[in-house]
Amino acid sequence: MLRYLKSIGLNSNQPRGRGFNHPYDIAVSSDERIYVLNRMYPNSALGIRVQICDMNDEWYGEFGESGGDGSNQFLVPVAMDFDRNDRLYVTDESHHQVKIFDKNGSFIEAWGRGNSKASNLSGPSGICVDSQGEIIVVEQYPGKITKISSDGEIQFSFGENGTNNGQFDLPWGVTVDREDNIYVADWRNDRVQKFTMNGEFIMSVGVSGEAPGELKRPSGVAVDRQGVIYVADWGNERVQIFDAEGKFIRVLQGNADLSKWSVEWLESNLDQYRAREESTLMMNDLPEHLRTPYHIASQTEPIFWGPVSVVIDSNDRLFVTEHSRHRIQIFELEKSGVT
């Protein structure tokens, strides 16, 4: 079974320092440090950065900033992933670039607009690295998936805008399985599509809706060692789990307790601590017209609110990034599969 381990995070409105503000994705380095991409509000660039912490709640610092076209600046960052050499690839959909850093946050190079490598990237969103070290980038505006070599040379692309198999409408998250099959969260088409490493269509998972097994604006996807598929069902405020054939298994709603950072903050802000003790932090009786996944999630602290990204690390831990609750919930996967 999936076992809840812990939460990491603390809402921070500060442009620097410990605490997240609308995190959108995480990546885990070879030394098991967790890199958290903060995106902020769409209309506010303050606080965009990558922060570094670990499973023991240690905070190691941050890099990157909001603003212009500088080597360490982001405008609308979306996703990131490490390669086997601990190079961190970060997409920026508004700069139309992928920026590459070492694990210390030092800038290496950029691909995409204004650069000689992969110069035609358009709205890159999801990104992952396959077992061969090739980088798979989702280009959301033209609705295609592009595979790029580690030295920045485009290998091939597949897909186009549309609703048929092999077509996309604002695709977002992407991942690969152990055979380097490619899975794409096809956001506006409310599905996940699976392809071979060469871009040949295999299957589609999910249909539009709110019932179990149905998806609403899926934003992220991850696959475990057994081929089980985990989908960040963003519009339904949950994670959905499917078997390797695309058959629905279960819904994961979240089960968070207070993070260590939150406890420390409350202990130093006693008025807030007392106010919290007097609150239920759970859904009260909402009017019928407000009993939507969004409103229920916003009123129920333990469950997911804005689950935008799902990542599985090498230790079989599932990380669910919640941009609306500024935290990461972490679960341990059962080695024999999900039940």
Protein backbone atom coordinates (compact mmCIF):
# COMPACT_ATOMS: atom_id res chain seq x y z
CA MET A 1 0.00 0.00 0.00
CA LEU A 2 0.94 3.64 -0.28
CA ARG A 3 2.16 4.86 3.08
CA TYR A 4 2.18 8.55 3.96
CA LEU A 5 5.61 9.60 5.19
CA LYS A 6 5.59 13.35 5.76
CA SER A 7 5.06 16.82 4.39
CA ILE A 8 7.66 19.47 3.68
CA GLY A 9 6.81 23.12 3.24
CA LEU A 10 5.68 26.41 4.69
CA ASN A 11 3.83 29.23 2.98
CA SER A 12 6.18 32.18 2.62
CA ASN A 13 5.44 35.51 0.97
CA GLN A 14 9.08 36.50 1.16
CA PRO A 15 11.24 36.59 -1.97
CA ARG A 16 14.06 34.77 -0.17
CA GLY A 17 14.50 32.31 2.65
CA ARG A 18 12.99 29.04 3.79
CA GLY A 19 9.41 28.44 2.73
CA PHE A 20 7.61 27.81 -0.55
CA ASN A 21 5.33 30.04 -2.58
CA HIS A 22 3.34 28.22 -5.25
CA PRO A 23 5.78 25.37 -5.88
CA TYR A 24 5.24 23.71 -9.27
CA ASP A 25 7.70 20.84 -9.45
CA ILE A 26 10.49 19.02 -7.64
CA ALA A 27 13.56 17.07 -8.69
CA VAL A 28 15.80 14.85 -6.56
CA SER A 29 19.59 14.86 -7.00
CA SER A 30 21.87 11.84 -6.67
CA ASP A 31 22.68 12.83 -3.08
CA GLU A 32 18.93 12.87 -2.32
CA ARG A 33 18.52 16.59 -1.96
CA ILE A 34 15.12 17.89 -3.03
CA TYR A 35 15.02 20.84 -5.44
CA VAL A 36 11.74 22.77 -5.37
CA LEU A 37 10.70 25.10 -8.20
CA ASN A 38 8.71 28.10 -6.94
CA ARG A 39 6.60 29.80 -9.59
CA MET A 40 4.50 32.33 -7.62
CA TYR A 41 1.26 33.89 -8.83
CA PRO A 42 0.92 34.42 -12.59
CA ASN A 43 0.79 38.20 -12.07
CA SER A 44 3.59 38.36 -9.51
CA ALA A 45 7.18 37.44 -10.24
CA LEU A 46 8.42 38.07 -6.70
CA GLY A 47 9.95 34.93 -5.19
CA ILE A 48 10.49 32.80 -8.30
CA ARG A 49 13.45 30.56 -7.48
CA VAL A 50 14.69 27.01 -6.90
CA GLN A 51 15.08 25.96 -3.26
CA ILE A 52 17.04 23.02 -1.90
CA CYS A 53 16.08 20.88 1.11
CA ASP A 54 16.10 17.22 2.12
CA MET A 55 13.92 14.54 3.70
CA ASN A 56 15.13 15.60 7.15
CA ASP A 57 13.77 19.14 6.62
CA GLU A 58 17.21 20.66 6.33
CA TRP A 59 17.24 23.76 4.12
CA TYR A 60 20.37 24.33 2.04
CA GLY A 61 19.60 27.54 0.20
CA GLU A 62 18.28 28.63 -3.15
CA PHE A 63 19.22 29.98 -6.56
CA GLY A 64 17.59 31.80 -9.42
CA GLU A 65 15.41 34.88 -9.42
CA SER A 66 12.54 36.50 -11.27
CA GLY A 67 12.85 39.14 -13.90
CA GLY A 68 14.72 39.50 -17.14
CA ASP A 69 16.79 37.37 -19.46
CA GLY A 70 19.81 36.83 -17.23
CA SER A 71 21.38 33.41 -16.97
CA ASN A 72 19.89 32.80 -13.51
CA GLN A 73 16.54 34.52 -14.13
CA PHE A 74 13.13 32.97 -14.82
CA LEU A 75 9.87 34.40 -16.06
CA VAL A 76 7.37 31.51 -15.96
CA PRO A 77 9.26 28.36 -14.95
CA VAL A 78 7.25 25.15 -15.17
CA ALA A 79 9.18 21.93 -14.56
CA MET A 80 12.62 20.42 -14.06
CA ASP A 81 14.59 17.18 -13.94
CA PHE A 82 18.13 15.96 -13.28
CA ASP A 83 20.27 13.90 -15.63
CA ARG A 84 22.71 11.23 -14.49
CA ASN A 85 25.45 13.87 -14.08
CA ASP A 86 23.33 15.98 -11.74
CA ARG A 87 22.70 18.66 -14.31
CA LEU A 88 19.34 20.27 -13.61
CA TYR A 89 17.16 21.18 -16.60
CA VAL A 90 14.51 23.86 -15.95
CA THR A 91 11.85 24.86 -18.48
CA ASP A 92 10.57 28.43 -18.83
CA GLU A 93 7.45 28.66 -20.98
CA SER A 94 7.57 32.45 -21.43
CA HIS A 95 11.28 32.64 -22.19
CA HIS A 96 10.83 29.62 -24.53
CA GLN A 97 13.97 28.15 -23.02
CA VAL A 98 15.45 25.29 -21.08
CA LYS A 99 18.10 26.49 -18.63
CA ILE A 100 20.71 24.09 -17.29
CA PHE A 101 22.42 24.35 -13.88
CA ASP A 102 24.74 22.18 -11.83
CA LYS A 103 23.46 20.93 -8.48
CA ASN A 104 25.00 23.92 -6.73
CA GLY A 105 22.86 26.27 -8.81
CA SER A 106 25.64 27.48 -11.09
CA PHE A 107 24.42 28.24 -14.61
CA ILE A 108 25.80 26.02 -17.38
CA GLU A 109 23.94 26.98 -20.56
CA ALA A 110 20.51 27.66 -22.08
CA TRP A 111 18.69 26.08 -25.00
CA GLY A 112 15.85 27.66 -26.92
CA ARG A 113 15.00 31.18 -28.04
CA GLY A 114 18.03 33.43 -28.35
CA ASN A 115 20.46 30.50 -28.23
CA SER A 116 22.14 28.36 -30.85
CA LYS A 117 20.83 25.06 -29.46
CA ALA A 118 17.18 23.98 -29.85
CA SER A 119 16.44 27.55 -30.84
CA ASN A 120 12.86 26.89 -31.97
CA LEU A 121 11.42 25.68 -28.65
CA SER A 122 7.90 27.05 -28.14
CA GLY A 123 6.39 27.23 -24.66
CA PRO A 124 8.35 24.36 -23.06
CA SER A 125 6.49 22.97 -20.05
CA GLY A 126 7.12 19.39 -18.89
CA ILE A 127 10.60 17.89 -19.06
CA CYS A 128 12.26 14.59 -18.18
CA VAL A 129 15.48 12.71 -18.87
CA ASP A 130 15.39 9.12 -20.17
CA SER A 131 17.77 6.25 -19.43
CA GLN A 132 19.97 7.18 -22.41
CA GLY A 133 20.46 10.70 -21.11
CA GLU A 134 18.24 12.27 -23.75
CA ILE A 135 15.98 15.11 -22.71
CA ILE A 136 12.26 15.02 -23.53
CA VAL A 137 10.58 18.42 -23.64
CA VAL A 138 6.87 19.17 -23.95
CA GLU A 139 6.23 22.13 -26.27
CA GLN A 140 2.75 23.13 -25.23
CA TYR A 141 1.91 25.78 -27.82
CA PRO A 142 2.48 23.71 -30.99
CA GLY A 143 1.32 20.60 -29.13
CA LYS A 144 4.35 18.43 -29.66
CA ILE A 145 7.01 16.44 -27.83
CA THR A 146 10.67 17.03 -28.67
CA LYS A 147 13.60 14.76 -27.84
CA ILE A 148 16.96 16.52 -27.46
CA SER A 149 20.41 15.00 -27.01
CA SER A 150 22.49 15.86 -23.95
CA ASP A 151 24.54 18.29 -26.05
CA GLY A 152 21.46 20.20 -27.17
CA GLU A 153 20.81 18.74 -30.62
CA ILE A 154 17.16 18.08 -31.49
CA GLN A 155 16.69 14.41 -32.39
CA PHE A 156 13.04 14.43 -33.46
CA SER A 157 9.58 15.70 -32.53
CA PHE A 158 6.12 14.18 -32.68
CA GLY A 159 2.56 15.36 -32.14
CA GLU A 160 0.42 18.33 -33.15
CA ASN A 161 -2.57 20.23 -31.82
CA GLY A 162 -5.83 18.28 -31.82
CA THR A 163 -7.92 15.70 -30.00
CA ASN A 164 -7.08 12.45 -31.81
CA ASN A 165 -4.58 9.87 -30.62
CA GLY A 166 -1.10 11.34 -30.89
CA GLN A 167 -2.44 14.89 -30.82
CA PHE A 168 -2.39 17.28 -27.87
CA ASP A 169 -4.13 20.31 -26.44
CA LEU A 170 -1.83 22.22 -24.07
CA PRO A 171 0.22 19.19 -22.97
CA TRP A 172 2.05 19.64 -19.68
CA GLY A 173 3.82 16.98 -17.61
CA VAL A 174 5.94 14.18 -19.06
CA THR A 175 7.80 11.13 -17.78
CA VAL A 176 9.31 7.86 -18.99
CA ASP A 177 9.12 4.29 -17.69
CA ARG A 178 11.92 1.71 -17.41
CA GLU A 179 11.66 0.95 -21.15
CA ASP A 180 11.80 4.68 -21.99
CA ASN A 181 8.18 4.73 -23.12
CA ILE A 182 6.94 8.32 -22.94
CA TYR A 183 3.86 9.41 -20.96
CA VAL A 184 2.33 12.86 -21.51
CA ALA A 185 -0.28 14.64 -19.38
CA ASP A 186 -2.52 15.99 -22.14
CA TRP A 187 -3.99 18.83 -20.06
CA ARG A 188 -6.92 20.19 -22.02
CA ASN A 189 -7.80 16.81 -23.52
CA ASP A 190 -8.19 15.36 -19.98
CA ARG A 191 -6.05 12.29 -20.56
CA VAL A 192 -2.58 10.79 -20.39
CA GLN A 193 -1.10 9.41 -23.59
CA LYS A 194 1.60 6.75 -23.76
CA PHE A 195 4.10 6.44 -26.63
CA THR A 196 7.14 4.35 -27.50
CA MET A 197 10.55 5.96 -27.17
CA ASN A 198 10.24 6.75 -30.89
CA GLY A 199 6.94 8.57 -30.52
CA GLU A 200 4.56 5.83 -31.69
CA PHE A 201 1.18 5.94 -29.96
CA ILE A 202 0.45 3.06 -27.54
CA MET A 203 -2.60 3.99 -25.48
CA SER A 204 -4.65 6.71 -23.84
CA VAL A 205 -5.56 6.74 -20.14
CA GLY A 206 -8.56 8.54 -18.67
CA VAL A 207 -11.57 10.46 -19.98
CA SER A 208 -13.06 13.83 -19.02
CA GLY A 209 -15.00 13.97 -15.77
CA GLU A 210 -14.96 13.95 -11.98
CA ALA A 211 -15.78 10.29 -11.22
CA PRO A 212 -13.03 7.84 -10.20
CA GLY A 213 -10.91 7.09 -13.25
CA GLU A 214 -11.94 10.32 -14.97
CA LEU A 215 -9.59 13.28 -15.33
CA LYS A 216 -9.93 17.03 -15.33
CA ARG A 217 -6.90 19.00 -16.52
CA PRO A 218 -4.14 16.52 -15.59
CA SER A 219 -0.86 18.35 -15.10
CA GLY A 220 1.69 15.70 -14.14
CA VAL A 221 2.42 12.00 -14.51
CA ALA A 222 4.83 9.50 -12.95
CA VAL A 223 5.36 5.75 -13.45
CA ASP A 224 6.77 3.30 -10.89
CA ARG A 225 8.92 0.20 -11.39
CA GLN A 226 5.86 -2.00 -12.01
CA GLY A 227 4.50 0.36 -14.66
CA VAL A 228 1.77 1.75 -12.38
CA ILE A 229 0.76 5.23 -13.54
CA TYR A 230 0.23 8.14 -11.12
CA VAL A 231 -1.56 11.21 -12.47
CA ALA A 232 -1.77 14.67 -10.91
CA ASP A 233 -5.49 15.19 -11.55
CA TRP A 234 -5.15 18.92 -11.00
CA GLY A 235 -8.71 19.99 -11.84
CA ASN A 236 -10.17 17.37 -9.49
CA GLU A 237 -7.72 18.14 -6.63
CA ARG A 238 -6.42 14.57 -6.37
CA VAL A 239 -3.93 12.01 -7.63
CA GLN A 240 -5.33 9.07 -9.59
CA ILE A 241 -3.59 5.73 -9.97
CA PHE A 242 -3.89 3.36 -12.95
CA ASP A 243 -2.27 0.01 -13.67
CA ALA A 244 0.16 -0.57 -16.52
CA GLU A 245 -2.74 -1.29 -18.90
CA GLY A 246 -4.47 1.97 -18.02
CA LYS A 247 -7.12 0.42 -15.76
CA PHE A 248 -8.18 2.57 -12.82
CA ILE A 249 -6.92 1.40 -9.40
CA ARG A 250 -7.65 4.08 -6.83
CA VAL A 251 -7.83 7.74 -5.87
CA LEU A 252 -5.27 9.35 -3.57
CA GLN A 253 -6.64 12.44 -1.79
CA GLY A 254 -3.72 13.28 0.47
CA ASN A 255 -3.15 12.81 4.18
CA ALA A 256 -0.90 15.61 5.36
CA ASP A 257 0.04 16.56 8.88
CA LEU A 258 1.97 19.69 9.83
CA SER A 259 5.46 19.95 8.40
CA LYS A 260 8.41 20.54 10.72
CA TRP A 261 8.81 24.04 9.29
CA SER A 262 5.17 24.85 10.05
CA VAL A 263 5.45 23.57 13.62
CA GLU A 264 8.52 25.73 14.21
CA TRP A 265 6.75 28.77 12.80
CA LEU A 266 3.64 28.23 14.95
CA GLU A 267 5.74 27.78 18.08
CA SER A 268 7.21 31.23 17.51
CA ASN A 269 3.82 32.80 16.63
CA LEU A 270 1.56 31.86 19.51
CA ASP A 271 -1.43 33.94 18.40
CA GLN A 272 -1.51 31.98 15.16
CA TYR A 273 -1.03 28.75 17.09
CA ARG A 274 -4.05 29.47 19.32
CA ALA A 275 -6.19 30.47 16.34
CA ARG A 276 -5.27 27.22 14.66
CA GLU A 277 -6.24 25.22 17.74
CA GLU A 278 -9.71 26.77 17.64
CA SER A 279 -10.25 25.93 13.96
CA THR A 280 -11.47 22.60 12.60
CA LEU A 281 -9.24 22.90 9.50
CA MET A 282 -11.72 20.61 7.84
CA MET A 283 -14.63 21.16 5.49
CA ASN A 284 -17.61 22.70 7.19
CA ASP A 285 -21.12 22.49 5.74
CA LEU A 286 -20.64 24.21 2.42
CA PRO A 287 -23.60 25.39 0.37
CA GLU A 288 -24.53 22.98 -2.40
CA HIS A 289 -23.13 25.24 -5.14
CA LEU A 290 -19.73 25.31 -3.39
CA ARG A 291 -19.35 21.56 -3.01
CA THR A 292 -16.79 21.37 -5.78
CA PRO A 293 -13.39 19.68 -5.63
CA TYR A 294 -11.71 23.10 -5.46
CA HIS A 295 -13.77 24.45 -2.56
CA ILE A 296 -13.67 21.20 -0.61
CA ALA A 297 -9.88 21.03 -0.98
CA SER A 298 -9.44 24.66 0.03
CA GLN A 299 -11.37 24.00 3.28
CA THR A 300 -9.75 20.67 4.20
CA GLU A 301 -6.12 21.02 5.19
CA PRO A 302 -4.90 17.39 5.06
CA ILE A 303 -5.96 16.74 1.45
CA PHE A 304 -4.39 17.93 -1.78
CA TRP A 305 -5.09 21.44 -2.98
CA GLY A 306 -3.55 22.19 -6.35
CA PRO A 307 -1.64 18.92 -6.92
CA VAL A 308 0.37 20.00 -9.93
CA SER A 309 3.29 17.56 -10.07
CA VAL A 310 4.00 13.92 -9.21
CA VAL A 311 7.54 12.55 -9.05
CA ILE A 312 8.87 9.12 -8.04
CA ASP A 313 12.50 9.01 -6.88
CA SER A 314 15.01 6.15 -6.93
CA ASN A 315 13.93 5.09 -3.43
CA ASP A 316 10.32 4.48 -4.54
CA ARG A 317 8.94 7.57 -2.86
CA LEU A 318 6.09 9.52 -4.42
CA PHE A 319 6.32 13.32 -4.13
CA VAL A 320 3.11 15.28 -4.73
CA THR A 321 3.66 19.03 -5.12
CA GLU A 322 0.71 21.23 -4.08
CA HIS A 323 0.98 24.74 -5.49
CA SER A 324 -2.08 26.07 -3.62
CA ARG A 325 -1.01 24.77 -0.20
CA HIS A 326 2.69 25.47 -0.67
CA ARG A 327 3.91 22.05 0.36
CA ILE A 328 5.01 18.60 -0.79
CA GLN A 329 3.34 15.42 0.47
CA ILE A 330 5.59 12.36 0.36
CA PHE A 331 4.47 8.73 0.24
CA GLU A 332 6.32 5.41 0.22
CA LEU A 333 5.37 2.97 -2.52
CA GLU A 334 4.98 -0.72 -1.84
CA LYS A 335 7.66 -2.57 -3.82
CA SER A 336 5.19 -5.10 -5.24
CA GLY A 337 2.80 -2.44 -6.52
CA VAL A 338 -0.08 -0.29 -5.32
CA THR A 339 -3.07 -1.73 -3.48
